[in-house]
Amino acid sequence: MSLLKSLAAAAALTMLVSASAFAHEYKLGDLVIHHPWTRATPPKAMAAGGFAAIENTGSTDDRLLSVSTPAAGRAEIHEMTVANGVMTMRQSENGFAVPAAATSEMKPGGFHLMLMDLKQPFVEGEKVPVTLTFEKAGEVTVELAVEKMGAKGMDHSKMDHGAMKAGDHSQHGKN
């Protein structure tokens, strides 16, 4: 029995350590950026999305105004919507709202970071640095954990971003 309990405890500890390796967060004033992530990209991909949940523990609204990264030629905050089977993606003119005492999520199929003109492929298990600039909290550099291709929804690497103009993009396609 003792051996069985030891093995079970070791397995539980391994799972806990593994889970914590994927979960990471950053604090900036009243903001907590939970598990920023992106997807691995194929060798010639020109774009990737970035995602995270941003919790505002304070009593004042904030707003993500911009994003930058050395890993891409351009980085923007995008909003995606689907209407009548047509996906429209465009740069958000007003950034990304982070209301007081709430958590706002950047996720596939909605608001997200758009990294374009990638300088090299994103490899699963690596990290991609991005700097987020907030209206009130200021600036913080976080690392996007690179997860497997196709993780958690739409894969930006399969879209044709070459035809996109800064600020307004429409693409027909399937998720």
Protein backbone atom coordinates (compact mmCIF):
# COMPACT_ATOMS: atom_id res chain seq x y z
CA MET A 1 0.00 0.00 0.00
CA SER A 2 2.79 2.40 0.83
CA LEU A 3 4.29 2.02 -2.67
CA LEU A 4 0.87 2.62 -4.26
CA LYS A 5 0.35 5.79 -2.19
CA SER A 6 3.83 7.03 -3.10
CA LEU A 7 3.20 6.45 -6.80
CA ALA A 8 -0.17 8.22 -6.60
CA ALA A 9 1.40 11.18 -4.79
CA ALA A 10 4.21 11.38 -7.36
CA ALA A 11 1.70 11.29 -10.23
CA ALA A 12 -0.40 14.04 -8.62
CA LEU A 13 2.68 16.20 -8.06
CA THR A 14 3.80 15.69 -11.66
CA MET A 15 0.37 16.76 -12.94
CA LEU A 16 0.41 19.84 -10.71
CA VAL A 17 3.89 20.87 -11.85
CA SER A 18 2.95 20.26 -15.50
CA ALA A 19 -0.23 22.34 -15.20
CA SER A 20 1.61 25.20 -13.52
CA ALA A 21 4.21 25.19 -16.31
CA PHE A 22 1.45 26.14 -18.77
CA ALA A 23 -0.37 28.59 -16.49
CA HIS A 24 1.47 31.86 -16.03
CA GLU A 25 0.40 35.36 -15.13
CA TYR A 26 1.74 38.89 -14.95
CA LYS A 27 0.68 41.72 -12.63
CA LEU A 28 0.66 45.41 -13.53
CA GLY A 29 -1.00 47.64 -10.93
CA ASP A 30 -4.61 46.45 -10.63
CA LEU A 31 -4.33 44.29 -13.75
CA VAL A 32 -3.52 40.59 -13.86
CA ILE A 33 -2.77 39.09 -17.29
CA HIS A 34 -3.62 35.39 -17.07
CA HIS A 35 -1.93 32.82 -19.32
CA PRO A 36 -1.00 34.82 -22.42
CA TRP A 37 -0.61 32.36 -25.30
CA THR A 38 -0.32 31.88 -29.04
CA ARG A 39 -0.19 28.92 -31.40
CA ALA A 40 2.74 27.26 -33.09
CA THR A 41 2.93 28.30 -36.74
CA PRO A 42 3.97 26.48 -39.92
CA PRO A 43 7.36 27.48 -41.39
CA LYS A 44 6.11 30.17 -43.81
CA ALA A 45 3.25 31.61 -41.76
CA MET A 46 3.12 35.38 -41.84
CA ALA A 47 0.68 35.93 -38.96
CA ALA A 48 -0.38 34.60 -35.58
CA GLY A 49 -2.94 35.51 -32.94
CA GLY A 50 -2.24 36.20 -29.29
CA PHE A 51 -4.70 35.57 -26.46
CA ALA A 52 -5.05 36.14 -22.71
CA ALA A 53 -7.55 36.89 -19.98
CA ILE A 54 -7.01 40.30 -18.38
CA GLU A 55 -8.43 40.74 -14.90
CA ASN A 56 -8.95 44.22 -13.49
CA THR A 57 -9.01 43.96 -9.69
CA GLY A 58 -9.34 47.71 -9.25
CA SER A 59 -12.22 50.18 -9.19
CA THR A 60 -11.23 52.09 -12.35
CA ASP A 61 -11.76 50.96 -15.95
CA ASP A 62 -8.65 50.56 -18.09
CA ARG A 63 -7.99 49.88 -21.76
CA LEU A 64 -5.30 48.03 -23.71
CA LEU A 65 -4.16 50.62 -26.26
CA SER A 66 -1.35 48.91 -28.15
CA VAL A 67 0.90 45.87 -28.49
CA SER A 68 4.43 45.48 -29.83
CA THR A 69 6.84 42.58 -30.23
CA PRO A 70 10.29 41.97 -31.68
CA ALA A 71 8.89 38.71 -33.14
CA ALA A 72 6.78 40.46 -35.82
CA GLY A 73 6.97 43.42 -38.15
CA ARG A 74 3.55 44.64 -36.99
CA ALA A 75 1.36 43.99 -33.97
CA GLU A 76 -2.19 45.22 -33.49
CA ILE A 77 -5.28 44.68 -31.37
CA HIS A 78 -7.94 43.06 -33.57
CA GLU A 79 -11.61 42.32 -33.30
CA MET A 80 -13.16 39.47 -35.28
CA THR A 81 -16.82 39.00 -36.06
CA VAL A 82 -18.73 36.60 -38.30
CA ALA A 83 -21.88 37.80 -40.05
CA ASN A 84 -23.72 35.80 -42.72
CA GLY A 85 -20.81 33.37 -42.98
CA VAL A 86 -18.27 36.12 -43.65
CA MET A 87 -15.49 36.66 -41.16
CA THR A 88 -14.45 40.26 -40.72
CA MET A 89 -11.31 41.11 -38.85
CA ARG A 90 -10.13 44.63 -38.28
CA GLN A 91 -7.87 46.60 -36.05
CA SER A 92 -9.76 47.91 -33.05
CA GLU A 93 -9.85 51.70 -33.18
CA ASN A 94 -10.57 51.92 -29.45
CA GLY A 95 -8.23 49.24 -28.14
CA PHE A 96 -9.54 46.57 -25.78
CA ALA A 97 -11.68 47.52 -22.79
CA VAL A 98 -10.76 46.14 -19.37
CA PRO A 99 -13.63 47.19 -17.05
CA ALA A 100 -13.11 47.59 -13.32
CA ALA A 101 -13.75 44.53 -11.13
CA ALA A 102 -14.07 42.25 -14.18
CA THR A 103 -12.11 39.91 -16.42
CA SER A 104 -11.98 40.52 -20.16
CA GLU A 105 -10.82 37.74 -22.43
CA MET A 106 -8.91 37.93 -25.69
CA LYS A 107 -9.71 34.64 -27.40
CA PRO A 108 -9.99 32.99 -30.81
CA GLY A 109 -13.02 34.31 -32.66
CA GLY A 110 -13.15 37.62 -30.79
CA PHE A 111 -10.73 40.29 -29.67
CA HIS A 112 -7.10 39.17 -29.95
CA LEU A 113 -3.58 40.34 -30.55
CA MET A 114 -2.64 40.14 -34.23
CA LEU A 115 1.06 39.59 -34.92
CA MET A 116 1.88 40.08 -38.62
CA ASP A 117 5.00 39.75 -40.75
CA LEU A 118 6.43 37.12 -38.42
CA LYS A 119 10.21 37.09 -38.32
CA GLN A 120 10.37 33.31 -37.70
CA PRO A 121 7.96 30.45 -36.98
CA PHE A 122 6.52 30.10 -33.48
CA VAL A 123 7.59 26.73 -32.06
CA GLU A 124 5.49 24.81 -29.54
CA GLY A 125 6.97 25.06 -26.05
CA GLU A 126 8.79 28.35 -26.71
CA LYS A 127 7.77 31.84 -25.56
CA VAL A 128 7.15 35.01 -27.58
CA PRO A 129 7.70 38.37 -25.83
CA VAL A 130 5.05 41.07 -26.33
CA THR A 131 4.73 44.47 -24.73
CA LEU A 132 1.21 45.56 -23.80
CA THR A 133 0.46 49.25 -23.24
CA PHE A 134 -2.56 50.15 -21.12
CA GLU A 135 -4.19 53.56 -20.87
CA LYS A 136 -3.91 53.79 -17.06
CA ALA A 137 -1.74 50.91 -15.81
CA GLY A 138 1.09 51.62 -18.27
CA GLU A 139 3.33 49.11 -20.00
CA VAL A 140 4.20 45.49 -19.27
CA THR A 141 6.16 42.88 -21.22
CA VAL A 142 4.67 39.39 -21.07
CA GLU A 143 5.57 36.12 -22.77
CA LEU A 144 3.05 34.32 -24.95
CA ALA A 145 3.36 30.59 -24.33
CA VAL A 146 3.46 28.85 -27.72
CA GLU A 147 0.93 26.02 -27.71
CA LYS A 148 0.34 23.39 -30.39
CA MET A 149 -0.94 24.33 -33.85
CA GLY A 150 -4.71 24.61 -33.87
CA ALA A 151 -4.99 24.94 -30.09
CA LYS A 152 -8.31 26.25 -28.69
CA GLY A 153 -10.03 27.36 -31.87
CA MET A 154 -9.31 29.22 -35.08
CA ASP A 155 -5.78 28.96 -36.47
CA HIS A 156 -4.60 32.37 -37.77
CA SER A 157 -1.75 30.74 -39.65
CA LYS A 158 -4.19 29.23 -42.17
CA MET A 159 -5.64 32.61 -43.17
CA ASP A 160 -4.37 34.65 -46.10
CA HIS A 161 -3.09 37.77 -44.34
CA GLY A 162 -1.06 38.85 -47.37
CA ALA A 163 -4.11 40.57 -48.87
CA MET A 164 -5.01 42.33 -45.61
CA LYS A 165 -4.62 46.07 -45.29
CA ALA A 166 -3.86 47.59 -41.91
CA GLY A 167 -7.05 48.42 -40.08
CA ASP A 168 -9.66 46.56 -42.14
CA HIS A 169 -9.71 42.96 -43.31
CA SER A 170 -12.44 40.70 -44.61
CA GLN A 171 -11.86 37.04 -45.26
CA HIS A 172 -14.25 34.33 -46.39
CA GLY A 173 -13.46 31.00 -44.88
CA LYS A 174 -14.04 28.24 -42.44
CA ASN A 175 -12.79 28.08 -38.88
